[in-house]
């Protein structure tokens, strides 16, 4: 499925618009006639980008090119703001200084902390209002606000896998730490203390932002690791243990609950189809 520009932009001269998804529902595999910056405001879900599944949650920034194919699966109170734009606004395909995710070996997924999300919310509201105006000055203001947004995201982003963490972002650090260490044994009491949370508040703050518990988030990260590993390995038990599961039976149960398939069935279908299956395909 291809999303056409004229279904979202008011006219051919408009070069940026905003599409809030509050919440985002499951959405099948598609591409666009435009580029897109996706800002995850809260909740969690599975994002499939160019055949790679990844669990996403609050504070993550996704840079989607027109030629990319992506989908949203298994969403849980996932609130997004999608900023649709013409590549002309960022000068080159990768943007000045890699503003749209083109730098750092073409990394396409970044993270910002909760303070930055609070900073960009009013900016997104202003941008949304200006994109609805029909006068030429509204178009100029919208493009100016878009460039301001792009610079803020670029200046304040850090790698979602744990590299280059800023010192002041607690929840952002927790999410990146879990993603980077998901295959290791995790003690959540220790994680809470390490990042300055009281044990009582940690689970509450985590659930408010991500719409899931720390344990469930970690399990889904491990399942994502297993999905990628099953492309290359025929040994399901080895994949389970390498992905952080101590019990292969529980791994199989959790895997089937998420995908509708056993790990062996999933691996076989991946090898036959050569791509990640959507939930509806996996269940067929």
C-alpha atoms as a PDB file:
ATOM      1  CA  UNK A   1       0.000   0.000   0.000  1.00  0.00           C
ATOM      2  CA  UNK A   2       1.303   3.447  -0.954  1.00  0.00           C
ATOM      3  CA  UNK A   3       0.095   6.619   0.815  1.00  0.00           C
ATOM      4  CA  UNK A   4      -0.398   9.492  -1.623  1.00  0.00           C
ATOM      5  CA  UNK A   5       0.723  13.021  -0.827  1.00  0.00           C
ATOM      6  CA  UNK A   6      -2.559  14.573  -1.973  1.00  0.00           C
ATOM      7  CA  UNK A   7      -4.413  12.652   0.746  1.00  0.00           C
ATOM      8  CA  UNK A   8      -2.477  14.519   3.454  1.00  0.00           C
ATOM      9  CA  UNK A   9      -1.155  17.800   2.003  1.00  0.00           C
ATOM     10  CA  UNK A  10      -3.705  20.523   1.232  1.00  0.00           C
ATOM     11  CA  UNK A  11      -2.060  21.445  -2.082  1.00  0.00           C
ATOM     12  CA  UNK A  12       1.005  20.716  -4.170  1.00  0.00           C
ATOM     13  CA  UNK A  13       2.834  23.733  -2.754  1.00  0.00           C
ATOM     14  CA  UNK A  14       2.523  22.587   0.865  1.00  0.00           C
ATOM     15  CA  UNK A  15       5.765  20.991   2.051  1.00  0.00           C
ATOM     16  CA  UNK A  16       4.999  20.023   5.647  1.00  0.00           C
ATOM     17  CA  UNK A  17       1.954  18.845   7.569  1.00  0.00           C
ATOM     18  CA  UNK A  18       1.212  17.123  10.882  1.00  0.00           C
ATOM     19  CA  UNK A  19      -0.847  13.977  11.470  1.00  0.00           C
ATOM     20  CA  UNK A  20      -1.439  13.184  15.168  1.00  0.00           C
ATOM     21  CA  UNK A  21      -2.254   9.557  15.936  1.00  0.00           C
ATOM     22  CA  UNK A  22      -3.987   9.602  19.321  1.00  0.00           C
ATOM     23  CA  UNK A  23      -3.850   6.675  19.555  1.00  0.00           C
ATOM     24  CA  UNK A  24      -2.183   4.888  16.662  1.00  0.00           C
ATOM     25  CA  UNK A  25      -4.013   1.717  15.695  1.00  0.00           C
ATOM     26  CA  UNK A  26      -2.478  -1.254  13.925  1.00  0.00           C
ATOM     27  CA  UNK A  27      -1.510  -0.191  10.412  1.00  0.00           C
ATOM     28  CA  UNK A  28      -0.473  -2.543   7.584  1.00  0.00           C
ATOM     29  CA  UNK A  29       2.760  -2.458   5.628  1.00  0.00           C
ATOM     30  CA  UNK A  30       2.979   0.693   3.487  1.00  0.00           C
ATOM     31  CA  UNK A  31       5.236   3.334   1.971  1.00  0.00           C
ATOM     32  CA  UNK A  32       4.703   7.021   1.109  1.00  0.00           C
ATOM     33  CA  UNK A  33       5.132   9.714  -1.486  1.00  0.00           C
ATOM     34  CA  UNK A  34       6.759  11.844   1.240  1.00  0.00           C
ATOM     35  CA  UNK A  35       9.217  11.618   4.129  1.00  0.00           C
ATOM     36  CA  UNK A  36       8.116  11.380   7.738  1.00  0.00           C
ATOM     37  CA  UNK A  37       9.395  12.003  11.252  1.00  0.00           C
ATOM     38  CA  UNK A  38       7.508   9.903  13.803  1.00  0.00           C
ATOM     39  CA  UNK A  39       7.659  11.072  17.419  1.00  0.00           C
ATOM     40  CA  UNK A  40       6.477   8.505  19.972  1.00  0.00           C
ATOM     41  CA  UNK A  41       4.739  10.482  22.706  1.00  0.00           C
ATOM     42  CA  UNK A  42       3.639   7.565  24.925  1.00  0.00           C
ATOM     43  CA  UNK A  43       2.625   3.895  24.973  1.00  0.00           C
ATOM     44  CA  UNK A  44       4.334   1.058  23.114  1.00  0.00           C
ATOM     45  CA  UNK A  45       4.027  -1.072  20.003  1.00  0.00           C
ATOM     46  CA  UNK A  46       5.885  -3.069  17.376  1.00  0.00           C
ATOM     47  CA  UNK A  47       7.231  -1.107  14.441  1.00  0.00           C
ATOM     48  CA  UNK A  48       8.392  -3.031  11.377  1.00  0.00           C
ATOM     49  CA  UNK A  49      10.788  -0.977   9.233  1.00  0.00           C
ATOM     50  CA  UNK A  50      12.117  -2.551   6.033  1.00  0.00           C
ATOM     51  CA  UNK A  51      11.429  -6.057   7.375  1.00  0.00           C
ATOM     52  CA  UNK A  52      13.025  -5.417  10.811  1.00  0.00           C
ATOM     53  CA  UNK A  53      10.688  -5.611  13.858  1.00  0.00           C
ATOM     54  CA  UNK A  54      11.423  -3.319  16.793  1.00  0.00           C
ATOM     55  CA  UNK A  55       9.595  -2.490  20.004  1.00  0.00           C
ATOM     56  CA  UNK A  56       9.074   1.280  20.259  1.00  0.00           C
ATOM     57  CA  UNK A  57       7.956   3.409  23.185  1.00  0.00           C
ATOM     58  CA  UNK A  58       7.883   6.968  24.507  1.00  0.00           C
ATOM     59  CA  UNK A  59      10.628   9.369  23.458  1.00  0.00           C
ATOM     60  CA  UNK A  60      11.700   7.484  20.348  1.00  0.00           C
ATOM     61  CA  UNK A  61      12.182   9.329  17.069  1.00  0.00           C
ATOM     62  CA  UNK A  62      11.768   7.411  13.798  1.00  0.00           C
ATOM     63  CA  UNK A  63      12.975   8.791  10.457  1.00  0.00           C
ATOM     64  CA  UNK A  64      11.009   7.289   7.585  1.00  0.00           C
ATOM     65  CA  UNK A  65      12.049   7.849   3.963  1.00  0.00           C
ATOM     66  CA  UNK A  66       9.567   7.806   1.094  1.00  0.00           C
ATOM     67  CA  UNK A  67      11.012   4.527  -0.190  1.00  0.00           C
ATOM     68  CA  UNK A  68      10.807   2.784   3.206  1.00  0.00           C
ATOM     69  CA  UNK A  69       8.163   0.172   3.940  1.00  0.00           C
ATOM     70  CA  UNK A  70       6.876   0.039   7.489  1.00  0.00           C
ATOM     71  CA  UNK A  71       3.956  -1.059   9.649  1.00  0.00           C
ATOM     72  CA  UNK A  72       2.649  -0.817  13.212  1.00  0.00           C
ATOM     73  CA  UNK A  73       1.673  -4.025  15.012  1.00  0.00           C
ATOM     74  CA  UNK A  74       0.561  -5.004  18.548  1.00  0.00           C
ATOM     75  CA  UNK A  75       0.018  -1.414  19.703  1.00  0.00           C
ATOM     76  CA  UNK A  76      -0.806  -0.545  23.328  1.00  0.00           C
ATOM     77  CA  UNK A  77      -1.971   3.048  23.965  1.00  0.00           C
ATOM     78  CA  UNK A  78       0.599   4.139  21.373  1.00  0.00           C
ATOM     79  CA  UNK A  79       0.366   7.905  20.843  1.00  0.00           C
ATOM     80  CA  UNK A  80       2.352   9.300  17.934  1.00  0.00           C
ATOM     81  CA  UNK A  81       2.829  12.605  16.181  1.00  0.00           C
ATOM     82  CA  UNK A  82       3.717  12.135  12.501  1.00  0.00           C
ATOM     83  CA  UNK A  83       5.360  15.082  10.770  1.00  0.00           C
ATOM     84  CA  UNK A  84       5.111  14.627   6.986  1.00  0.00           C
ATOM     85  CA  UNK A  85       7.516  16.660   4.871  1.00  0.00           C
ATOM     86  CA  UNK A  86       9.167  17.090   1.510  1.00  0.00           C
ATOM     87  CA  UNK A  87      12.880  16.253   1.386  1.00  0.00           C
ATOM     88  CA  UNK A  88      13.431  19.706  -0.120  1.00  0.00           C
ATOM     89  CA  UNK A  89      12.976  21.192   3.349  1.00  0.00           C
ATOM     90  CA  UNK A  90      16.151  19.544   4.604  1.00  0.00           C
ATOM     91  CA  UNK A  91      18.374  20.480   1.663  1.00  0.00           C
ATOM     92  CA  UNK A  92      19.651  16.969   0.890  1.00  0.00           C
ATOM     93  CA  UNK A  93      18.514  13.404   1.312  1.00  0.00           C
ATOM     94  CA  UNK A  94      20.290  13.106   4.641  1.00  0.00           C
ATOM     95  CA  UNK A  95      19.644  16.692   5.702  1.00  0.00           C
ATOM     96  CA  UNK A  96      22.159  19.248   6.948  1.00  0.00           C
ATOM     97  CA  UNK A  97      24.306  17.590   9.611  1.00  0.00           C
ATOM     98  CA  UNK A  98      22.086  14.515   9.391  1.00  0.00           C
ATOM     99  CA  UNK A  99      19.002  16.220  10.829  1.00  0.00           C
ATOM    100  CA  UNK A 100      16.654  13.519   9.549  1.00  0.00           C
ATOM    101  CA  UNK A 101      18.595  10.547  10.835  1.00  0.00           C
ATOM    102  CA  UNK A 102      21.017  10.178   7.940  1.00  0.00           C
ATOM    103  CA  UNK A 103      24.230  10.418   9.956  1.00  0.00           C
ATOM    104  CA  UNK A 104      25.885   7.871  12.264  1.00  0.00           C
ATOM    105  CA  UNK A 105      25.929   5.047   9.726  1.00  0.00           C
ATOM    106  CA  UNK A 106      22.392   5.795   8.566  1.00  0.00           C
ATOM    107  CA  UNK A 107      20.853   5.235  11.996  1.00  0.00           C
ATOM    108  CA  UNK A 108      17.074   5.556  11.666  1.00  0.00           C
ATOM    109  CA  UNK A 109      15.948   5.289  15.286  1.00  0.00           C
ATOM    110  CA  UNK A 110      16.892   7.723  18.048  1.00  0.00           C
ATOM    111  CA  UNK A 111      15.590   8.715  21.443  1.00  0.00           C
ATOM    112  CA  UNK A 112      14.972  11.941  23.330  1.00  0.00           C
ATOM    113  CA  UNK A 113      14.244  12.329  27.024  1.00  0.00           C
ATOM    114  CA  UNK A 114      11.018  13.359  28.704  1.00  0.00           C
ATOM    115  CA  UNK A 115      12.122  16.985  29.052  1.00  0.00           C
ATOM    116  CA  UNK A 116      12.606  17.264  25.283  1.00  0.00           C
ATOM    117  CA  UNK A 117       9.174  15.735  24.679  1.00  0.00           C
ATOM    118  CA  UNK A 118       7.744  18.449  26.911  1.00  0.00           C
ATOM    119  CA  UNK A 119       9.654  21.057  24.924  1.00  0.00           C
ATOM    120  CA  UNK A 120       8.426  19.897  21.509  1.00  0.00           C
ATOM    121  CA  UNK A 121       4.745  19.411  22.426  1.00  0.00           C
ATOM    122  CA  UNK A 122       3.821  23.127  22.211  1.00  0.00           C
ATOM    123  CA  UNK A 123       5.967  23.473  19.094  1.00  0.00           C
ATOM    124  CA  UNK A 124       4.056  20.614  17.451  1.00  0.00           C
ATOM    125  CA  UNK A 125       0.764  22.248  18.427  1.00  0.00           C
ATOM    126  CA  UNK A 126       1.840  25.512  16.759  1.00  0.00           C
ATOM    127  CA  UNK A 127       3.067  23.631  13.701  1.00  0.00           C
ATOM    128  CA  UNK A 128      -0.247  21.763  13.441  1.00  0.00           C
ATOM    129  CA  UNK A 129      -2.227  25.026  13.547  1.00  0.00           C
ATOM    130  CA  UNK A 130      -0.055  26.719  10.925  1.00  0.00           C
ATOM    131  CA  UNK A 131      -0.352  23.782   8.519  1.00  0.00           C
ATOM    132  CA  UNK A 132      -4.124  24.284   8.532  1.00  0.00           C
ATOM    133  CA  UNK A 133      -3.839  27.924   7.418  1.00  0.00           C
ATOM    134  CA  UNK A 134      -4.429  28.671   3.733  1.00  0.00           C
ATOM    135  CA  UNK A 135      -2.481  31.950   3.496  1.00  0.00           C
ATOM    136  CA  UNK A 136       1.140  32.132   2.245  1.00  0.00           C
ATOM    137  CA  UNK A 137       2.443  33.380   5.607  1.00  0.00           C
ATOM    138  CA  UNK A 138       1.083  30.267   7.334  1.00  0.00           C
ATOM    139  CA  UNK A 139       3.096  28.125   4.918  1.00  0.00           C
ATOM    140  CA  UNK A 140       6.258  30.120   5.661  1.00  0.00           C
ATOM    141  CA  UNK A 141       5.687  29.887   9.418  1.00  0.00           C
ATOM    142  CA  UNK A 142       4.982  26.147   9.209  1.00  0.00           C
ATOM    143  CA  UNK A 143       8.248  25.509   7.377  1.00  0.00           C
ATOM    144  CA  UNK A 144      10.128  27.655   9.893  1.00  0.00           C
ATOM    145  CA  UNK A 145       8.621  25.745  12.822  1.00  0.00           C
ATOM    146  CA  UNK A 146       9.427  22.434  11.134  1.00  0.00           C
ATOM    147  CA  UNK A 147      13.101  23.362  10.808  1.00  0.00           C
ATOM    148  CA  UNK A 148      13.136  24.447  14.460  1.00  0.00           C
ATOM    149  CA  UNK A 149      11.634  21.100  15.449  1.00  0.00           C
ATOM    150  CA  UNK A 150      14.161  19.178  13.345  1.00  0.00           C
ATOM    151  CA  UNK A 151      17.083  21.020  14.957  1.00  0.00           C
ATOM    152  CA  UNK A 152      15.759  20.452  18.500  1.00  0.00           C
ATOM    153  CA  UNK A 153      15.346  16.730  17.858  1.00  0.00           C
ATOM    154  CA  UNK A 154      18.792  16.487  16.303  1.00  0.00           C
ATOM    155  CA  UNK A 155      20.530  18.402  19.097  1.00  0.00           C
ATOM    156  CA  UNK A 156      18.922  16.432  21.914  1.00  0.00           C
ATOM    157  CA  UNK A 157      18.707  12.900  20.565  1.00  0.00           C
ATOM    158  CA  UNK A 158      20.788   9.991  21.736  1.00  0.00           C
ATOM    159  CA  UNK A 159      21.119   6.457  20.491  1.00  0.00           C
ATOM    160  CA  UNK A 160      18.273   4.238  21.664  1.00  0.00           C
ATOM    161  CA  UNK A 161      20.661   1.300  22.180  1.00  0.00           C
ATOM    162  CA  UNK A 162      22.503   2.921  25.081  1.00  0.00           C
ATOM    163  CA  UNK A 163      25.308   4.886  23.401  1.00  0.00           C
ATOM    164  CA  UNK A 164      25.940   8.512  24.348  1.00  0.00           C
ATOM    165  CA  UNK A 165      23.352   8.760  27.100  1.00  0.00           C
ATOM    166  CA  UNK A 166      22.769  12.272  28.454  1.00  0.00           C
ATOM    167  CA  UNK A 167      23.214  12.669  32.180  1.00  0.00           C
ATOM    168  CA  UNK A 168      19.865  14.181  33.068  1.00  0.00           C
ATOM    169  CA  UNK A 169      17.272  11.985  31.388  1.00  0.00           C
ATOM    170  CA  UNK A 170      16.196   9.289  33.801  1.00  0.00           C
ATOM    171  CA  UNK A 171      13.409   7.458  32.002  1.00  0.00           C
ATOM    172  CA  UNK A 172      15.182   7.788  28.665  1.00  0.00           C
ATOM    173  CA  UNK A 173      18.230   6.236  30.292  1.00  0.00           C
ATOM    174  CA  UNK A 174      16.182   3.370  31.704  1.00  0.00           C
ATOM    175  CA  UNK A 175      14.639   2.538  28.329  1.00  0.00           C
ATOM    176  CA  UNK A 176      17.977   2.701  26.551  1.00  0.00           C
ATOM    177  CA  UNK A 177      19.677   0.666  29.293  1.00  0.00           C
ATOM    178  CA  UNK A 178      17.054  -2.084  29.008  1.00  0.00           C
ATOM    179  CA  UNK A 179      17.285  -2.130  25.222  1.00  0.00           C
ATOM    180  CA  UNK A 180      21.086  -2.303  25.334  1.00  0.00           C
ATOM    181  CA  UNK A 181      21.159  -5.009  28.037  1.00  0.00           C
ATOM    182  CA  UNK A 182      17.957  -6.944  27.313  1.00  0.00           C
ATOM    183  CA  UNK A 183      19.736 -10.283  26.880  1.00  0.00           C
ATOM    184  CA  UNK A 184      21.359 -10.010  30.327  1.00  0.00           C
ATOM    185  CA  UNK A 185      19.797 -10.796  33.705  1.00  0.00           C
ATOM    186  CA  UNK A 186      17.982  -7.679  34.909  1.00  0.00           C
ATOM    187  CA  UNK A 187      17.127  -6.823  38.533  1.00  0.00           C
ATOM    188  CA  UNK A 188      14.491  -4.087  38.370  1.00  0.00           C
ATOM    189  CA  UNK A 189      15.040  -3.023  41.969  1.00  0.00           C
ATOM    190  CA  UNK A 190      18.670  -2.395  41.054  1.00  0.00           C
ATOM    191  CA  UNK A 191      17.631  -0.562  37.857  1.00  0.00           C
ATOM    192  CA  UNK A 192      15.305   1.714  39.840  1.00  0.00           C
ATOM    193  CA  UNK A 193      18.023   2.595  42.352  1.00  0.00           C
ATOM    194  CA  UNK A 194      20.657   3.049  39.648  1.00  0.00           C
ATOM    195  CA  UNK A 195      18.594   5.683  37.867  1.00  0.00           C
ATOM    196  CA  UNK A 196      17.384   7.520  40.949  1.00  0.00           C
ATOM    197  CA  UNK A 197      13.835   6.189  41.332  1.00  0.00           C
ATOM    198  CA  UNK A 198      12.238   5.041  44.535  1.00  0.00           C
ATOM    199  CA  UNK A 199      11.089   1.449  44.267  1.00  0.00           C
ATOM    200  CA  UNK A 200       7.503   2.556  44.825  1.00  0.00           C
ATOM    201  CA  UNK A 201       7.456   5.114  42.012  1.00  0.00           C
ATOM    202  CA  UNK A 202       9.471   3.272  39.398  1.00  0.00           C
ATOM    203  CA  UNK A 203       6.717   0.943  38.147  1.00  0.00           C
ATOM    204  CA  UNK A 204       4.120   3.752  38.198  1.00  0.00           C
ATOM    205  CA  UNK A 205       6.272   6.193  36.200  1.00  0.00           C
ATOM    206  CA  UNK A 206       7.261   3.449  33.759  1.00  0.00           C
ATOM    207  CA  UNK A 207       3.671   2.361  33.128  1.00  0.00           C
ATOM    208  CA  UNK A 208       2.387   5.928  32.719  1.00  0.00           C
ATOM    209  CA  UNK A 209       4.914   6.551  29.957  1.00  0.00           C
ATOM    210  CA  UNK A 210       4.989   3.207  28.170  1.00  0.00           C
ATOM    211  CA  UNK A 211       1.562   1.631  28.896  1.00  0.00           C
ATOM    212  CA  UNK A 212       3.258  -1.546  30.064  1.00  0.00           C
ATOM    213  CA  UNK A 213       5.268  -2.895  32.990  1.00  0.00           C
ATOM    214  CA  UNK A 214       9.070  -3.033  33.095  1.00  0.00           C
ATOM    215  CA  UNK A 215       8.900  -6.847  32.981  1.00  0.00           C
ATOM    216  CA  UNK A 216       6.634  -6.956  29.929  1.00  0.00           C
ATOM    217  CA  UNK A 217       8.762  -4.353  28.173  1.00  0.00           C
ATOM    218  CA  UNK A 218      11.880  -6.446  28.792  1.00  0.00           C
ATOM    219  CA  UNK A 219      10.164  -9.621  27.532  1.00  0.00           C
ATOM    220  CA  UNK A 220       9.174  -7.860  24.302  1.00  0.00           C
ATOM    221  CA  UNK A 221      12.704  -6.568  23.811  1.00  0.00           C
ATOM    222  CA  UNK A 222      13.989 -10.121  24.199  1.00  0.00           C
ATOM    223  CA  UNK A 223      11.399 -11.407  21.724  1.00  0.00           C
ATOM    224  CA  UNK A 224      12.535  -8.802  19.202  1.00  0.00           C
ATOM    225  CA  UNK A 225      16.106 -10.018  19.653  1.00  0.00           C
ATOM    226  CA  UNK A 226      14.909 -13.594  19.136  1.00  0.00           C
ATOM    227  CA  UNK A 227      12.998 -12.700  15.948  1.00  0.00           C
ATOM    228  CA  UNK A 228      16.152 -11.281  14.419  1.00  0.00           C
ATOM    229  CA  UNK A 229      18.255 -14.238  15.582  1.00  0.00           C
ATOM    230  CA  UNK A 230      15.852 -16.813  14.126  1.00  0.00           C
ATOM    231  CA  UNK A 231      16.658 -15.507  10.654  1.00  0.00           C
ATOM    232  CA  UNK A 232      20.180 -16.876  11.032  1.00  0.00           C
ATOM    233  CA  UNK A 233      19.912 -19.816  13.429  1.00  0.00           C
ATOM    234  CA  UNK A 234      18.094 -23.149  13.260  1.00  0.00           C
ATOM    235  CA  UNK A 235      18.592 -23.885  16.975  1.00  0.00           C
ATOM    236  CA  UNK A 236      15.566 -22.471  18.798  1.00  0.00           C
ATOM    237  CA  UNK A 237      16.879 -23.365  22.264  1.00  0.00           C
ATOM    238  CA  UNK A 238      20.150 -21.520  21.649  1.00  0.00           C
ATOM    239  CA  UNK A 239      18.233 -18.494  20.406  1.00  0.00           C
ATOM    240  CA  UNK A 240      16.052 -18.534  23.528  1.00  0.00           C
ATOM    241  CA  UNK A 241      18.999 -18.523  25.922  1.00  0.00           C
ATOM    242  CA  UNK A 242      20.989 -16.030  23.829  1.00  0.00           C
ATOM    243  CA  UNK A 243      17.985 -13.687  23.942  1.00  0.00           C
ATOM    244  CA  UNK A 244      17.838 -13.677  27.749  1.00  0.00           C
ATOM    245  CA  UNK A 245      15.241 -16.419  28.405  1.00  0.00           C
ATOM    246  CA  UNK A 246      16.182 -18.997  31.038  1.00  0.00           C
ATOM    247  CA  UNK A 247      13.216 -21.237  30.232  1.00  0.00           C
ATOM    248  CA  UNK A 248      12.713 -22.431  26.661  1.00  0.00           C
ATOM    249  CA  UNK A 249       9.090 -23.379  27.392  1.00  0.00           C
ATOM    250  CA  UNK A 250       8.291 -19.872  28.597  1.00  0.00           C
ATOM    251  CA  UNK A 251      10.103 -18.491  25.555  1.00  0.00           C
ATOM    252  CA  UNK A 252       7.906 -20.562  23.240  1.00  0.00           C
ATOM    253  CA  UNK A 253       4.767 -19.502  25.129  1.00  0.00           C
ATOM    254  CA  UNK A 254       5.656 -15.781  24.984  1.00  0.00           C
ATOM    255  CA  UNK A 255       6.707 -16.021  21.335  1.00  0.00           C
ATOM    256  CA  UNK A 256       3.446 -17.692  20.285  1.00  0.00           C
ATOM    257  CA  UNK A 257       1.405 -15.187  22.310  1.00  0.00           C
ATOM    258  CA  UNK A 258       3.034 -12.297  20.416  1.00  0.00           C
ATOM    259  CA  UNK A 259       3.264 -13.717  16.879  1.00  0.00           C
ATOM    260  CA  UNK A 260       0.652 -16.470  16.761  1.00  0.00           C
ATOM    261  CA  UNK A 261       3.404 -18.915  15.764  1.00  0.00           C
ATOM    262  CA  UNK A 262       5.887 -21.140  17.541  1.00  0.00           C
ATOM    263  CA  UNK A 263       9.535 -20.076  17.124  1.00  0.00           C
ATOM    264  CA  UNK A 264      10.115 -22.999  14.720  1.00  0.00           C
ATOM    265  CA  UNK A 265       7.069 -22.067  12.614  1.00  0.00           C
ATOM    266  CA  UNK A 266       8.154 -18.429  12.570  1.00  0.00           C
ATOM    267  CA  UNK A 267      11.671 -19.365  11.440  1.00  0.00           C
ATOM    268  CA  UNK A 268      10.296 -21.620   8.705  1.00  0.00           C
ATOM    269  CA  UNK A 269       7.956 -18.932   7.379  1.00  0.00           C
ATOM    270  CA  UNK A 270      10.693 -16.290   7.461  1.00  0.00           C
ATOM    271  CA  UNK A 271      12.906 -18.566   5.392  1.00  0.00           C
ATOM    272  CA  UNK A 272      10.078 -19.316   2.957  1.00  0.00           C
ATOM    273  CA  UNK A 273       8.776 -15.759   2.539  1.00  0.00           C
ATOM    274  CA  UNK A 274      12.061 -13.901   3.021  1.00  0.00           C
ATOM    275  CA  UNK A 275      10.404 -11.183   5.111  1.00  0.00           C
ATOM    276  CA  UNK A 276       8.761 -10.449   8.436  1.00  0.00           C
ATOM    277  CA  UNK A 277       5.094 -11.402   8.477  1.00  0.00           C
ATOM    278  CA  UNK A 278       2.401  -9.126   9.815  1.00  0.00           C
ATOM    279  CA  UNK A 279       0.227 -10.417  12.626  1.00  0.00           C
ATOM    280  CA  UNK A 280      -2.610 -11.262  10.284  1.00  0.00           C
ATOM    281  CA  UNK A 281      -0.301 -13.181   7.948  1.00  0.00           C
ATOM    282  CA  UNK A 282       1.373 -14.995  10.814  1.00  0.00           C
ATOM    283  CA  UNK A 283      -1.970 -16.223  12.093  1.00  0.00           C
ATOM    284  CA  UNK A 284      -3.052 -17.536   8.686  1.00  0.00           C
END
